[in-house]
Amino acid sequence: MPLNDAAILVRQLGPTDREAYFQLRLRGLKAHPELFGQSYEEALAKGAAQHDASLQGLHAAEGDFLLGAFLSSDTPLIGVVGLARNPRERERHKAAVVGTYVAPEAAGRGVGRALLNELLARAERVDGLRQLQLMVDSSNEAARKLYESMGFRQYGREVDGLNVDGVFYDTDLMMRFM
């Protein structure tokens, strides 16, 4: 049953969320390898420290942050999404929506929408940010519909965009102007 956005607590993740974030990411990588560019094995090898810079939040106001969703302040992390601004001067007007994942026990309850609503609200406040981009597995109809309902539009498809153990997956390229 869907929850309303007010029932879901979405906040910027910080250093104290490191282990919870990493464990939820590992769950997603293991359960749905076709949805992520990084493999489960790669993530394990790099460890939780690979996310420390993002979790520090030092560049959040510039468009680099991780958000987490919770049912309340004292419940486990159930969903995540990140924004990564392009570092190149000529492409600083763009940022990528990355690492979107909702735990299966929270799926279909409005968690993804709540995360994206907060991401969009924060992105609107980033000076000079004009465009958000993302990549989604072409067969992930639920995710594509959610992104479309939030104003994202497909502008291309990368055929065989991901190779997961010899199985190739097409990736839809989507964008939204601010």
C-alpha atoms as a PDB file:
ATOM      1  CA  MET A   1       0.000   0.000   0.000  1.00  0.00           C
ATOM      2  CA  PRO A   2       1.455   3.398  -0.985  1.00  0.00           C
ATOM      3  CA  LEU A   3       2.591   5.745   1.735  1.00  0.00           C
ATOM      4  CA  ASN A   4       2.381   9.458   1.231  1.00  0.00           C
ATOM      5  CA  ASP A   5       5.630  11.410   0.955  1.00  0.00           C
ATOM      6  CA  ALA A   6       5.067  12.871   4.429  1.00  0.00           C
ATOM      7  CA  ALA A   7       5.136   9.373   5.939  1.00  0.00           C
ATOM      8  CA  ILE A   8       8.579   8.719   4.482  1.00  0.00           C
ATOM      9  CA  LEU A   9      11.569  10.477   5.997  1.00  0.00           C
ATOM     10  CA  VAL A  10      14.097  11.449   3.325  1.00  0.00           C
ATOM     11  CA  ARG A  11      17.346  13.061   4.382  1.00  0.00           C
ATOM     12  CA  GLN A  12      20.892  13.542   3.221  1.00  0.00           C
ATOM     13  CA  LEU A  13      23.079  10.652   4.271  1.00  0.00           C
ATOM     14  CA  GLY A  14      26.219  11.351   6.271  1.00  0.00           C
ATOM     15  CA  PRO A  15      29.257   9.526   7.646  1.00  0.00           C
ATOM     16  CA  THR A  16      27.226   7.798  10.374  1.00  0.00           C
ATOM     17  CA  ASP A  17      25.092   6.169   7.650  1.00  0.00           C
ATOM     18  CA  ARG A  18      28.120   4.603   5.964  1.00  0.00           C
ATOM     19  CA  GLU A  19      27.518   0.964   6.945  1.00  0.00           C
ATOM     20  CA  ALA A  20      23.737   1.070   6.413  1.00  0.00           C
ATOM     21  CA  TYR A  21      24.211   2.657   2.991  1.00  0.00           C
ATOM     22  CA  PHE A  22      26.880   0.162   1.964  1.00  0.00           C
ATOM     23  CA  GLN A  23      24.831  -2.840   3.109  1.00  0.00           C
ATOM     24  CA  LEU A  24      21.725  -1.640   1.233  1.00  0.00           C
ATOM     25  CA  ARG A  25      23.824  -1.008  -1.872  1.00  0.00           C
ATOM     26  CA  LEU A  26      25.291  -4.517  -1.640  1.00  0.00           C
ATOM     27  CA  ARG A  27      21.774  -5.947  -1.394  1.00  0.00           C
ATOM     28  CA  GLY A  28      20.811  -4.130  -4.577  1.00  0.00           C
ATOM     29  CA  LEU A  29      23.956  -5.134  -6.439  1.00  0.00           C
ATOM     30  CA  LYS A  30      23.463  -8.778  -5.511  1.00  0.00           C
ATOM     31  CA  ALA A  31      19.711  -8.972  -6.163  1.00  0.00           C
ATOM     32  CA  HIS A  32      19.636  -6.853  -9.348  1.00  0.00           C
ATOM     33  CA  PRO A  33      23.060  -6.794 -11.014  1.00  0.00           C
ATOM     34  CA  GLU A  34      21.475  -5.594 -14.263  1.00  0.00           C
ATOM     35  CA  LEU A  35      20.501  -2.286 -12.646  1.00  0.00           C
ATOM     36  CA  PHE A  36      23.968  -1.066 -11.677  1.00  0.00           C
ATOM     37  CA  GLY A  37      27.213  -0.290 -13.451  1.00  0.00           C
ATOM     38  CA  GLN A  38      29.228  -1.558 -10.486  1.00  0.00           C
ATOM     39  CA  SER A  39      29.251  -5.279  -9.720  1.00  0.00           C
ATOM     40  CA  TYR A  40      28.780  -6.807  -6.270  1.00  0.00           C
ATOM     41  CA  GLU A  41      32.348  -8.123  -6.361  1.00  0.00           C
ATOM     42  CA  GLU A  42      33.726  -4.718  -7.359  1.00  0.00           C
ATOM     43  CA  ALA A  43      31.839  -3.062  -4.502  1.00  0.00           C
ATOM     44  CA  LEU A  44      33.143  -5.597  -1.985  1.00  0.00           C
ATOM     45  CA  ALA A  45      36.710  -5.146  -3.214  1.00  0.00           C
ATOM     46  CA  LYS A  46      36.519  -1.343  -2.914  1.00  0.00           C
ATOM     47  CA  GLY A  47      34.657  -1.478   0.403  1.00  0.00           C
ATOM     48  CA  ALA A  48      32.444   1.089   2.083  1.00  0.00           C
ATOM     49  CA  ALA A  49      35.224   3.700   1.986  1.00  0.00           C
ATOM     50  CA  GLN A  50      34.520   4.302  -1.730  1.00  0.00           C
ATOM     51  CA  HIS A  51      31.469   6.328  -0.638  1.00  0.00           C
ATOM     52  CA  ASP A  52      33.157   8.397   2.073  1.00  0.00           C
ATOM     53  CA  ALA A  53      33.570  11.537  -0.046  1.00  0.00           C
ATOM     54  CA  SER A  54      29.865  11.560  -0.967  1.00  0.00           C
ATOM     55  CA  LEU A  55      28.819  10.826   2.606  1.00  0.00           C
ATOM     56  CA  GLN A  56      30.900  13.747   3.899  1.00  0.00           C
ATOM     57  CA  GLY A  57      28.468  16.009   2.039  1.00  0.00           C
ATOM     58  CA  LEU A  58      31.081  18.696   1.449  1.00  0.00           C
ATOM     59  CA  HIS A  59      29.777  19.363  -2.069  1.00  0.00           C
ATOM     60  CA  ALA A  60      26.045  18.880  -1.467  1.00  0.00           C
ATOM     61  CA  ALA A  61      25.232  22.511  -2.247  1.00  0.00           C
ATOM     62  CA  GLU A  62      27.077  22.115  -5.562  1.00  0.00           C
ATOM     63  CA  GLY A  63      25.007  19.065  -6.581  1.00  0.00           C
ATOM     64  CA  ASP A  64      26.869  16.062  -5.159  1.00  0.00           C
ATOM     65  CA  PHE A  65      24.962  14.180  -2.455  1.00  0.00           C
ATOM     66  CA  LEU A  66      23.366  10.929  -1.327  1.00  0.00           C
ATOM     67  CA  LEU A  67      19.833  10.762   0.027  1.00  0.00           C
ATOM     68  CA  GLY A  68      18.296   8.004   2.098  1.00  0.00           C
ATOM     69  CA  ALA A  69      14.698   7.061   2.877  1.00  0.00           C
ATOM     70  CA  PHE A  70      13.421   5.790   6.223  1.00  0.00           C
ATOM     71  CA  LEU A  71       9.923   5.031   7.535  1.00  0.00           C
ATOM     72  CA  SER A  72      10.856   7.041  10.643  1.00  0.00           C
ATOM     73  CA  SER A  73      13.984   8.357  12.336  1.00  0.00           C
ATOM     74  CA  ASP A  74      14.515   5.104  14.236  1.00  0.00           C
ATOM     75  CA  THR A  75      13.961   2.605  11.403  1.00  0.00           C
ATOM     76  CA  PRO A  76      16.460   1.086   8.939  1.00  0.00           C
ATOM     77  CA  LEU A  77      17.421   2.654   5.632  1.00  0.00           C
ATOM     78  CA  ILE A  78      14.977   1.459   2.939  1.00  0.00           C
ATOM     79  CA  GLY A  79      15.955   3.436  -0.138  1.00  0.00           C
ATOM     80  CA  VAL A  80      18.732   5.532  -1.636  1.00  0.00           C
ATOM     81  CA  VAL A  81      19.444   7.867  -4.522  1.00  0.00           C
ATOM     82  CA  GLY A  82      22.377  10.096  -5.367  1.00  0.00           C
ATOM     83  CA  LEU A  83      23.151  13.126  -7.463  1.00  0.00           C
ATOM     84  CA  ALA A  84      26.586  13.493  -9.064  1.00  0.00           C
ATOM     85  CA  ARG A  85      27.332  16.773 -10.795  1.00  0.00           C
ATOM     86  CA  ASN A  86      29.547  16.740 -13.833  1.00  0.00           C
ATOM     87  CA  PRO A  87      32.968  18.089 -12.768  1.00  0.00           C
ATOM     88  CA  ARG A  88      33.998  19.461 -16.194  1.00  0.00           C
ATOM     89  CA  GLU A  89      33.530  23.207 -16.612  1.00  0.00           C
ATOM     90  CA  ARG A  90      31.650  22.937 -19.899  1.00  0.00           C
ATOM     91  CA  GLU A  91      29.326  20.274 -18.518  1.00  0.00           C
ATOM     92  CA  ARG A  92      28.675  21.665 -15.013  1.00  0.00           C
ATOM     93  CA  HIS A  93      25.101  22.420 -16.050  1.00  0.00           C
ATOM     94  CA  LYS A  94      24.420  18.657 -15.917  1.00  0.00           C
ATOM     95  CA  ALA A  95      24.219  16.128 -13.089  1.00  0.00           C
ATOM     96  CA  ALA A  96      23.496  12.402 -13.033  1.00  0.00           C
ATOM     97  CA  VAL A  97      20.894  10.695 -10.869  1.00  0.00           C
ATOM     98  CA  VAL A  98      22.784   7.630  -9.617  1.00  0.00           C
ATOM     99  CA  GLY A  99      22.457   4.545  -7.453  1.00  0.00           C
ATOM    100  CA  THR A 100      18.686   4.559  -7.096  1.00  0.00           C
ATOM    101  CA  TYR A 101      17.528   1.548  -5.098  1.00  0.00           C
ATOM    102  CA  VAL A 102      14.565   0.709  -2.865  1.00  0.00           C
ATOM    103  CA  ALA A 103      14.650  -2.372  -0.636  1.00  0.00           C
ATOM    104  CA  PRO A 104      12.175  -5.048  -1.798  1.00  0.00           C
ATOM    105  CA  GLU A 105      10.235  -4.863   1.481  1.00  0.00           C
ATOM    106  CA  ALA A 106       9.533  -1.175   0.766  1.00  0.00           C
ATOM    107  CA  ALA A 107       8.830  -1.455  -2.976  1.00  0.00           C
ATOM    108  CA  GLY A 108       5.511  -0.092  -4.230  1.00  0.00           C
ATOM    109  CA  ARG A 109       5.046   2.168  -1.202  1.00  0.00           C
ATOM    110  CA  GLY A 110       6.107   5.506  -2.696  1.00  0.00           C
ATOM    111  CA  VAL A 111       9.697   5.403  -1.454  1.00  0.00           C
ATOM    112  CA  GLY A 112      11.242   5.954  -4.893  1.00  0.00           C
ATOM    113  CA  ARG A 113       8.913   8.894  -5.548  1.00  0.00           C
ATOM    114  CA  ALA A 114       9.711  10.446  -2.159  1.00  0.00           C
ATOM    115  CA  LEU A 115      13.454  10.112  -2.829  1.00  0.00           C
ATOM    116  CA  LEU A 116      13.130  11.670  -6.290  1.00  0.00           C
ATOM    117  CA  ASN A 117      10.917  14.499  -5.006  1.00  0.00           C
ATOM    118  CA  GLU A 118      13.596  15.446  -2.475  1.00  0.00           C
ATOM    119  CA  LEU A 119      16.383  15.066  -5.029  1.00  0.00           C
ATOM    120  CA  LEU A 120      14.540  17.355  -7.469  1.00  0.00           C
ATOM    121  CA  ALA A 121      13.838  19.929  -4.754  1.00  0.00           C
ATOM    122  CA  ARG A 122      17.523  20.024  -3.813  1.00  0.00           C
ATOM    123  CA  ALA A 123      18.662  20.052  -7.450  1.00  0.00           C
ATOM    124  CA  GLU A 124      16.464  23.113  -8.102  1.00  0.00           C
ATOM    125  CA  ARG A 125      18.527  25.025  -5.524  1.00  0.00           C
ATOM    126  CA  VAL A 126      21.902  24.201  -7.111  1.00  0.00           C
ATOM    127  CA  ASP A 127      23.294  27.260  -8.848  1.00  0.00           C
ATOM    128  CA  GLY A 128      23.891  26.698 -12.563  1.00  0.00           C
ATOM    129  CA  LEU A 129      22.368  23.217 -12.701  1.00  0.00           C
ATOM    130  CA  ARG A 130      20.126  22.961 -15.738  1.00  0.00           C
ATOM    131  CA  GLN A 131      19.751  19.281 -16.616  1.00  0.00           C
ATOM    132  CA  LEU A 132      19.474  15.935 -14.832  1.00  0.00           C
ATOM    133  CA  GLN A 133      20.365  12.715 -16.607  1.00  0.00           C
ATOM    134  CA  LEU A 134      19.994   9.062 -15.710  1.00  0.00           C
ATOM    135  CA  MET A 135      20.331   5.592 -17.131  1.00  0.00           C
ATOM    136  CA  VAL A 136      17.757   2.867 -16.515  1.00  0.00           C
ATOM    137  CA  ASP A 137      17.548  -0.757 -17.609  1.00  0.00           C
ATOM    138  CA  SER A 138      15.283  -0.780 -20.677  1.00  0.00           C
ATOM    139  CA  SER A 139      13.225  -3.656 -19.291  1.00  0.00           C
ATOM    140  CA  ASN A 140      12.602  -1.946 -15.925  1.00  0.00           C
ATOM    141  CA  GLU A 141       9.131  -0.665 -16.763  1.00  0.00           C
ATOM    142  CA  ALA A 142       8.240   0.431 -13.213  1.00  0.00           C
ATOM    143  CA  ALA A 143      11.341   2.613 -12.892  1.00  0.00           C
ATOM    144  CA  ARG A 144      10.878   4.132 -16.348  1.00  0.00           C
ATOM    145  CA  LYS A 145       7.245   5.007 -15.569  1.00  0.00           C
ATOM    146  CA  LEU A 146       8.263   6.610 -12.271  1.00  0.00           C
ATOM    147  CA  TYR A 147      10.957   8.685 -13.973  1.00  0.00           C
ATOM    148  CA  GLU A 148       8.554   9.736 -16.731  1.00  0.00           C
ATOM    149  CA  SER A 149       5.965  10.782 -14.137  1.00  0.00           C
ATOM    150  CA  MET A 150       8.660  13.005 -12.591  1.00  0.00           C
ATOM    151  CA  GLY A 151       9.338  14.771 -15.905  1.00  0.00           C
ATOM    152  CA  PHE A 152      12.207  12.684 -17.292  1.00  0.00           C
ATOM    153  CA  ARG A 153      12.134  11.859 -21.008  1.00  0.00           C
ATOM    154  CA  GLN A 154      14.027   9.219 -22.940  1.00  0.00           C
ATOM    155  CA  TYR A 155      16.520  10.662 -25.400  1.00  0.00           C
ATOM    156  CA  GLY A 156      18.299   7.508 -26.441  1.00  0.00           C
ATOM    157  CA  ARG A 157      19.068   3.869 -25.852  1.00  0.00           C
ATOM    158  CA  GLU A 158      22.449   2.254 -25.382  1.00  0.00           C
ATOM    159  CA  VAL A 159      22.181  -1.201 -26.916  1.00  0.00           C
ATOM    160  CA  ASP A 160      24.066  -3.759 -24.808  1.00  0.00           C
ATOM    161  CA  GLY A 161      24.823  -1.009 -22.283  1.00  0.00           C
ATOM    162  CA  LEU A 162      25.673  -3.463 -19.501  1.00  0.00           C
ATOM    163  CA  ASN A 163      27.324  -6.864 -19.628  1.00  0.00           C
ATOM    164  CA  VAL A 164      26.423  -8.942 -16.561  1.00  0.00           C
ATOM    165  CA  ASP A 165      28.170 -12.311 -16.705  1.00  0.00           C
ATOM    166  CA  GLY A 166      27.833 -12.505 -20.477  1.00  0.00           C
ATOM    167  CA  VAL A 167      24.194 -11.344 -20.577  1.00  0.00           C
ATOM    168  CA  PHE A 168      23.740  -7.943 -22.223  1.00  0.00           C
ATOM    169  CA  TYR A 169      21.173  -5.371 -21.131  1.00  0.00           C
ATOM    170  CA  ASP A 170      19.995  -2.319 -23.051  1.00  0.00           C
ATOM    171  CA  THR A 171      19.991   0.960 -21.149  1.00  0.00           C
ATOM    172  CA  ASP A 172      17.566   3.832 -21.683  1.00  0.00           C
ATOM    173  CA  LEU A 173      19.088   7.302 -21.429  1.00  0.00           C
ATOM    174  CA  MET A 174      16.707   9.788 -19.813  1.00  0.00           C
ATOM    175  CA  MET A 175      16.924  13.482 -18.971  1.00  0.00           C
ATOM    176  CA  ARG A 176      14.940  16.287 -17.366  1.00  0.00           C
ATOM    177  CA  PHE A 177      15.449  20.022 -17.642  1.00  0.00           C
ATOM    178  CA  MET A 178      15.229  21.953 -14.392  1.00  0.00           C
END
